[in-house]
Every structure is written in C-alpha cells, then in structure tokens.
C-alpha atoms as a PDB file:
ATOM      1  CA  UNK A   1       5.442 -31.539   4.996  1.00  0.00           C
ATOM      2  CA  UNK A   2       6.026 -27.838   4.284  1.00  0.00           C
ATOM      3  CA  UNK A   3       4.764 -28.266   0.714  1.00  0.00           C
ATOM      4  CA  UNK A   4       1.528 -29.944   1.896  1.00  0.00           C
ATOM      5  CA  UNK A   5       0.939 -27.216   4.500  1.00  0.00           C
ATOM      6  CA  UNK A   6       1.602 -24.508   1.917  1.00  0.00           C
ATOM      7  CA  UNK A   7      -0.788 -26.105  -0.584  1.00  0.00           C
ATOM      8  CA  UNK A   8      -3.490 -26.477   2.078  1.00  0.00           C
ATOM      9  CA  UNK A   9      -3.127 -22.810   3.057  1.00  0.00           C
ATOM     10  CA  UNK A  10      -3.239 -21.717  -0.584  1.00  0.00           C
ATOM     11  CA  UNK A  11      -6.401 -23.768  -1.207  1.00  0.00           C
ATOM     12  CA  UNK A  12      -8.028 -22.284   1.904  1.00  0.00           C
ATOM     13  CA  UNK A  13      -7.385 -18.796   0.544  1.00  0.00           C
ATOM     14  CA  UNK A  14      -8.834 -19.692  -2.848  1.00  0.00           C
ATOM     15  CA  UNK A  15     -11.900 -21.312  -1.326  1.00  0.00           C
ATOM     16  CA  UNK A  16     -12.511 -18.454   1.119  1.00  0.00           C
ATOM     17  CA  UNK A  17     -13.623 -15.969  -1.541  1.00  0.00           C
ATOM     18  CA  UNK A  18     -16.700 -14.128  -0.280  1.00  0.00           C
ATOM     19  CA  UNK A  19     -20.039 -15.626  -1.227  1.00  0.00           C
ATOM     20  CA  UNK A  20     -21.754 -13.543  -3.856  1.00  0.00           C
ATOM     21  CA  UNK A  21     -18.527 -12.110  -5.264  1.00  0.00           C
ATOM     22  CA  UNK A  22     -18.861 -11.346  -8.970  1.00  0.00           C
ATOM     23  CA  UNK A  23     -16.113 -10.705 -11.516  1.00  0.00           C
ATOM     24  CA  UNK A  24     -16.745  -8.443 -14.494  1.00  0.00           C
ATOM     25  CA  UNK A  25     -14.677  -8.212 -17.662  1.00  0.00           C
ATOM     26  CA  UNK A  26     -14.755  -4.586 -18.790  1.00  0.00           C
ATOM     27  CA  UNK A  27     -13.500  -2.818 -21.894  1.00  0.00           C
ATOM     28  CA  UNK A  28     -14.196   0.417 -23.668  1.00  0.00           C
ATOM     29  CA  UNK A  29     -12.882   3.880 -24.401  1.00  0.00           C
ATOM     30  CA  UNK A  30     -11.677   6.831 -22.371  1.00  0.00           C
ATOM     31  CA  UNK A  31     -12.296  10.298 -23.831  1.00  0.00           C
ATOM     32  CA  UNK A  32     -10.574  13.453 -22.620  1.00  0.00           C
ATOM     33  CA  UNK A  33     -12.831  16.135 -21.155  1.00  0.00           C
ATOM     34  CA  UNK A  34      -9.844  18.310 -20.177  1.00  0.00           C
ATOM     35  CA  UNK A  35      -6.543  16.451 -20.598  1.00  0.00           C
ATOM     36  CA  UNK A  36      -4.593  19.309 -18.983  1.00  0.00           C
ATOM     37  CA  UNK A  37      -6.771  19.020 -15.865  1.00  0.00           C
ATOM     38  CA  UNK A  38      -6.701  15.194 -16.006  1.00  0.00           C
ATOM     39  CA  UNK A  39     -10.463  14.697 -16.407  1.00  0.00           C
ATOM     40  CA  UNK A  40     -12.013  12.080 -18.683  1.00  0.00           C
ATOM     41  CA  UNK A  41     -15.277  10.275 -19.526  1.00  0.00           C
ATOM     42  CA  UNK A  42     -15.478   6.488 -19.618  1.00  0.00           C
ATOM     43  CA  UNK A  43     -17.705   4.527 -22.017  1.00  0.00           C
ATOM     44  CA  UNK A  44     -18.198   0.823 -22.599  1.00  0.00           C
ATOM     45  CA  UNK A  45     -18.026  -1.511 -19.607  1.00  0.00           C
ATOM     46  CA  UNK A  46     -17.360   1.447 -17.299  1.00  0.00           C
ATOM     47  CA  UNK A  47     -19.595   4.534 -17.483  1.00  0.00           C
ATOM     48  CA  UNK A  48     -18.768   7.691 -15.619  1.00  0.00           C
ATOM     49  CA  UNK A  49     -16.067  10.197 -14.764  1.00  0.00           C
ATOM     50  CA  UNK A  50     -12.342   9.508 -14.422  1.00  0.00           C
ATOM     51  CA  UNK A  51      -9.941  11.979 -12.800  1.00  0.00           C
ATOM     52  CA  UNK A  52      -6.205  12.004 -12.234  1.00  0.00           C
ATOM     53  CA  UNK A  53      -5.515  12.932  -8.595  1.00  0.00           C
ATOM     54  CA  UNK A  54      -1.687  12.831  -8.614  1.00  0.00           C
ATOM     55  CA  UNK A  55       1.030  12.573 -11.263  1.00  0.00           C
ATOM     56  CA  UNK A  56       4.795  12.148 -10.911  1.00  0.00           C
ATOM     57  CA  UNK A  57       7.285  11.873 -13.775  1.00  0.00           C
ATOM     58  CA  UNK A  58       9.685   8.988 -13.108  1.00  0.00           C
ATOM     59  CA  UNK A  59      11.891   8.905 -16.234  1.00  0.00           C
ATOM     60  CA  UNK A  60      12.151  10.455 -19.682  1.00  0.00           C
ATOM     61  CA  UNK A  61      14.567   8.002 -21.368  1.00  0.00           C
ATOM     62  CA  UNK A  62      14.688   5.517 -22.928  1.00  0.00           C
ATOM     63  CA  UNK A  63      10.903   5.600 -22.405  1.00  0.00           C
ATOM     64  CA  UNK A  64       8.776   8.202 -20.737  1.00  0.00           C
ATOM     65  CA  UNK A  65       7.527   6.831 -17.412  1.00  0.00           C
ATOM     66  CA  UNK A  66       5.175   8.283 -14.794  1.00  0.00           C
ATOM     67  CA  UNK A  67       3.146   7.138 -11.808  1.00  0.00           C
ATOM     68  CA  UNK A  68       0.254   8.500  -9.820  1.00  0.00           C
ATOM     69  CA  UNK A  69      -3.290   8.047  -8.570  1.00  0.00           C
ATOM     70  CA  UNK A  70      -6.737   8.289 -10.159  1.00  0.00           C
ATOM     71  CA  UNK A  71     -10.386   7.920  -9.217  1.00  0.00           C
ATOM     72  CA  UNK A  72     -13.389   6.629 -11.173  1.00  0.00           C
ATOM     73  CA  UNK A  73     -16.938   7.653 -10.227  1.00  0.00           C
ATOM     74  CA  UNK A  74     -19.637   5.724 -12.054  1.00  0.00           C
ATOM     75  CA  UNK A  75     -20.852   2.193 -12.741  1.00  0.00           C
ATOM     76  CA  UNK A  76     -20.126  -1.104 -14.437  1.00  0.00           C
ATOM     77  CA  UNK A  77     -22.546  -1.097 -17.365  1.00  0.00           C
ATOM     78  CA  UNK A  78     -23.221  -4.846 -17.251  1.00  0.00           C
ATOM     79  CA  UNK A  79     -25.832  -4.843 -20.025  1.00  0.00           C
ATOM     80  CA  UNK A  80     -24.005  -2.253 -22.151  1.00  0.00           C
ATOM     81  CA  UNK A  81     -27.267  -0.282 -22.346  1.00  0.00           C
ATOM     82  CA  UNK A  82     -25.500   3.060 -21.719  1.00  0.00           C
ATOM     83  CA  UNK A  83     -27.261   3.320 -18.359  1.00  0.00           C
ATOM     84  CA  UNK A  84     -26.193   2.760 -14.772  1.00  0.00           C
ATOM     85  CA  UNK A  85     -29.711   1.802 -13.688  1.00  0.00           C
ATOM     86  CA  UNK A  86     -29.536  -1.412 -11.634  1.00  0.00           C
ATOM     87  CA  UNK A  87     -25.780  -1.734 -12.152  1.00  0.00           C
ATOM     88  CA  UNK A  88     -23.039  -1.763  -9.482  1.00  0.00           C
ATOM     89  CA  UNK A  89     -21.862   1.810  -8.876  1.00  0.00           C
ATOM     90  CA  UNK A  90     -19.658   3.911  -6.612  1.00  0.00           C
ATOM     91  CA  UNK A  91     -16.072   5.099  -6.749  1.00  0.00           C
ATOM     92  CA  UNK A  92     -12.879   3.184  -7.453  1.00  0.00           C
ATOM     93  CA  UNK A  93      -9.441   4.512  -6.523  1.00  0.00           C
ATOM     94  CA  UNK A  94      -6.412   3.371  -8.510  1.00  0.00           C
ATOM     95  CA  UNK A  95      -2.668   3.782  -8.580  1.00  0.00           C
ATOM     96  CA  UNK A  96      -1.107   3.778 -12.041  1.00  0.00           C
ATOM     97  CA  UNK A  97       2.168   3.308 -13.896  1.00  0.00           C
ATOM     98  CA  UNK A  98       2.430   4.875 -17.356  1.00  0.00           C
ATOM     99  CA  UNK A  99       4.939   4.252 -20.143  1.00  0.00           C
ATOM    100  CA  UNK A 100       5.161   6.039 -23.495  1.00  0.00           C
ATOM    101  CA  UNK A 101       7.470   6.419 -26.449  1.00  0.00           C
ATOM    102  CA  UNK A 102       7.984   9.646 -28.338  1.00  0.00           C
ATOM    103  CA  UNK A 103       9.724   9.974 -31.704  1.00  0.00           C
ATOM    104  CA  UNK A 104      13.487  10.534 -31.512  1.00  0.00           C
ATOM    105  CA  UNK A 105      13.603  13.019 -34.392  1.00  0.00           C
ATOM    106  CA  UNK A 106      10.551  14.942 -33.271  1.00  0.00           C
ATOM    107  CA  UNK A 107      10.364  14.895 -29.450  1.00  0.00           C
ATOM    108  CA  UNK A 108       6.734  16.038 -29.551  1.00  0.00           C
ATOM    109  CA  UNK A 109       5.665  13.109 -31.760  1.00  0.00           C
ATOM    110  CA  UNK A 110       3.788  10.508 -29.739  1.00  0.00           C
ATOM    111  CA  UNK A 111       4.338   6.894 -30.860  1.00  0.00           C
ATOM    112  CA  UNK A 112       2.507   4.819 -28.196  1.00  0.00           C
ATOM    113  CA  UNK A 113       1.520   4.738 -24.546  1.00  0.00           C
ATOM    114  CA  UNK A 114       0.303   2.145 -22.060  1.00  0.00           C
ATOM    115  CA  UNK A 115      -0.626   2.147 -18.393  1.00  0.00           C
ATOM    116  CA  UNK A 116      -1.493  -0.308 -15.632  1.00  0.00           C
ATOM    117  CA  UNK A 117      -4.145   0.559 -13.007  1.00  0.00           C
ATOM    118  CA  UNK A 118      -4.587  -1.756  -9.982  1.00  0.00           C
ATOM    119  CA  UNK A 119      -7.591  -1.035  -7.727  1.00  0.00           C
ATOM    120  CA  UNK A 120      -6.664   0.401  -4.318  1.00  0.00           C
ATOM    121  CA  UNK A 121     -10.117   0.829  -2.767  1.00  0.00           C
ATOM    122  CA  UNK A 122     -13.758   1.449  -3.563  1.00  0.00           C
ATOM    123  CA  UNK A 123     -16.969   2.912  -2.162  1.00  0.00           C
ATOM    124  CA  UNK A 124     -20.637   2.058  -2.643  1.00  0.00           C
ATOM    125  CA  UNK A 125     -21.071  -1.217  -4.543  1.00  0.00           C
ATOM    126  CA  UNK A 126     -17.314  -1.084  -5.215  1.00  0.00           C
ATOM    127  CA  UNK A 127     -16.354  -1.366  -1.508  1.00  0.00           C
ATOM    128  CA  UNK A 128     -13.809  -4.194  -1.224  1.00  0.00           C
ATOM    129  CA  UNK A 129     -13.339  -4.355  -5.011  1.00  0.00           C
ATOM    130  CA  UNK A 130     -10.241  -5.953  -6.482  1.00  0.00           C
ATOM    131  CA  UNK A 131      -8.928  -5.876 -10.006  1.00  0.00           C
ATOM    132  CA  UNK A 132      -6.759  -4.182 -12.576  1.00  0.00           C
ATOM    133  CA  UNK A 133      -7.281  -2.232 -15.782  1.00  0.00           C
ATOM    134  CA  UNK A 134      -4.806  -1.683 -18.611  1.00  0.00           C
ATOM    135  CA  UNK A 135      -5.015   1.227 -21.027  1.00  0.00           C
ATOM    136  CA  UNK A 136      -3.428   1.659 -24.455  1.00  0.00           C
ATOM    137  CA  UNK A 137      -2.927   5.059 -26.093  1.00  0.00           C
ATOM    138  CA  UNK A 138      -2.665   5.130 -29.883  1.00  0.00           C
ATOM    139  CA  UNK A 139      -1.984   8.185 -32.058  1.00  0.00           C
ATOM    140  CA  UNK A 140      -4.607   9.037 -34.676  1.00  0.00           C
ATOM    141  CA  UNK A 141      -5.039  11.932 -37.099  1.00  0.00           C
ATOM    142  CA  UNK A 142      -7.529  13.447 -34.639  1.00  0.00           C
ATOM    143  CA  UNK A 143      -5.333  13.015 -31.550  1.00  0.00           C
ATOM    144  CA  UNK A 144      -4.798  10.187 -29.102  1.00  0.00           C
ATOM    145  CA  UNK A 145      -7.283   7.299 -28.860  1.00  0.00           C
ATOM    146  CA  UNK A 146      -7.397   5.499 -25.488  1.00  0.00           C
ATOM    147  CA  UNK A 147      -8.841   2.002 -25.066  1.00  0.00           C
ATOM    148  CA  UNK A 148      -9.036   0.011 -21.818  1.00  0.00           C
ATOM    149  CA  UNK A 149      -9.594  -3.598 -20.785  1.00  0.00           C
ATOM    150  CA  UNK A 150      -9.582  -5.348 -17.418  1.00  0.00           C
ATOM    151  CA  UNK A 151     -11.464  -7.238 -14.770  1.00  0.00           C
ATOM    152  CA  UNK A 152     -13.063  -6.117 -11.525  1.00  0.00           C
ATOM    153  CA  UNK A 153     -14.236  -8.398  -8.718  1.00  0.00           C
ATOM    154  CA  UNK A 154     -16.884  -7.016  -6.378  1.00  0.00           C
ATOM    155  CA  UNK A 155     -17.205  -8.459  -2.886  1.00  0.00           C
ATOM    156  CA  UNK A 156     -20.888  -9.125  -2.255  1.00  0.00           C
ATOM    157  CA  UNK A 157     -23.756  -6.729  -1.650  1.00  0.00           C
ATOM    158  CA  UNK A 158     -27.140  -6.666  -3.398  1.00  0.00           C
ATOM    159  CA  UNK A 159     -25.794  -5.558  -6.780  1.00  0.00           C
ATOM    160  CA  UNK A 160     -23.090  -8.239  -6.750  1.00  0.00           C
ATOM    161  CA  UNK A 161     -25.551 -10.965  -5.748  1.00  0.00           C
ATOM    162  CA  UNK A 162     -27.939  -9.916  -8.547  1.00  0.00           C
ATOM    163  CA  UNK A 163     -25.040  -9.882 -11.005  1.00  0.00           C
ATOM    164  CA  UNK A 164     -23.771 -13.285  -9.857  1.00  0.00           C
ATOM    165  CA  UNK A 165     -27.248 -14.803 -10.328  1.00  0.00           C
ATOM    166  CA  UNK A 166     -27.598 -13.228 -13.781  1.00  0.00           C
ATOM    167  CA  UNK A 167     -24.110 -14.423 -14.757  1.00  0.00           C
ATOM    168  CA  UNK A 168     -24.836 -17.968 -13.531  1.00  0.00           C
ATOM    169  CA  UNK A 169     -28.081 -18.023 -15.537  1.00  0.00           C
ATOM    170  CA  UNK A 170     -26.123 -17.178 -18.734  1.00  0.00           C
ATOM    171  CA  UNK A 171     -23.324 -19.691 -18.061  1.00  0.00           C
ATOM    172  CA  UNK A 172     -23.526 -22.830 -20.213  1.00  0.00           C
ATOM    173  CA  UNK A 173     -23.730 -26.196 -18.439  1.00  0.00           C
ATOM    174  CA  UNK A 174     -20.509 -28.262 -18.527  1.00  0.00           C
END
C-alpha cells in the first residue's frame, strides 16, 4: 500500500510541471574580464555577465576545494545568433562547489578544475528557473580555458511559451 501511495505521489509531482515550462540545453565558454574581481563574460548558450558574489576556501589537500555564490545577468541565446533579442533574459543566482588539482612539484601549476552550479533563484524570464551548470577549467599555453554545459528549465511566461512552441515545432514526430 505504501509503495502504491508513494508512486502515485511521485507521478503527481512529475505531471504537475507548470504548463509552458521549457528546458534549454546550454553550453559555451566563460572568459575572464577580471579574474581577481571575479567578473566574467559568457558566450554560447548563455550571453551576458557572470560575477562571483562570495567565495570560501574549504580545503587545500588532497584537492583544492571552495564554495560560494555567483550571479548571471543576461539571456539564453536560443538561436545562437549572438543576440538576446526575443530570448529569455534576466538574472540567475547560483551556489557553487569548486574542485581543482595543482601540481605537487610546482604548487602554482594548475592541472585541472571543475565546478557545479545549481540555480538558487532567478528574476525576469528566469523567475522560478531550475537547473544546474557544470564548468571545466583546462590549462592552456595562454592561460585557463573554461567551458560550461548544463540545462535550465524556465517556468512559463511569454518567452517560455514562445520557446516551447518553437521547440515543439522542431521536434520530430515519434
């Protein structure tokens, strides 16, 4: 009996997703504007400004670990046309966990880094947003390259309804 009740409750939650909700797969690059100040530019699926709002070192060994908060101000560039015109926009607030490895013989040598960014809240078209982004930092000859990937679900509104209709029009029939 408990199992049937649990399954019914779980199905009700799944089926109660807001009408017009749209999920976007995003990926792209993050470029430092001022790494010391924690400001960055986002390109690709997200276009806009990214800023670190808090940072706390958690551990230094065996891996470097930190946590904090960040905010994104911009849009989801659905058409990848390098424009926010007609795209969902606003701000997204995130928490993050960061892990990195530095060389043992040269403590200043960066080997890799990765972080996890769940959405906390949003404004504008991002109000009620849910999702998570992951970032990967890779050393290059010119410095650190940062790539991101993730998914964001927007909870209704005009932009989400337009996006859901456009997405449904592109979806192949089963």
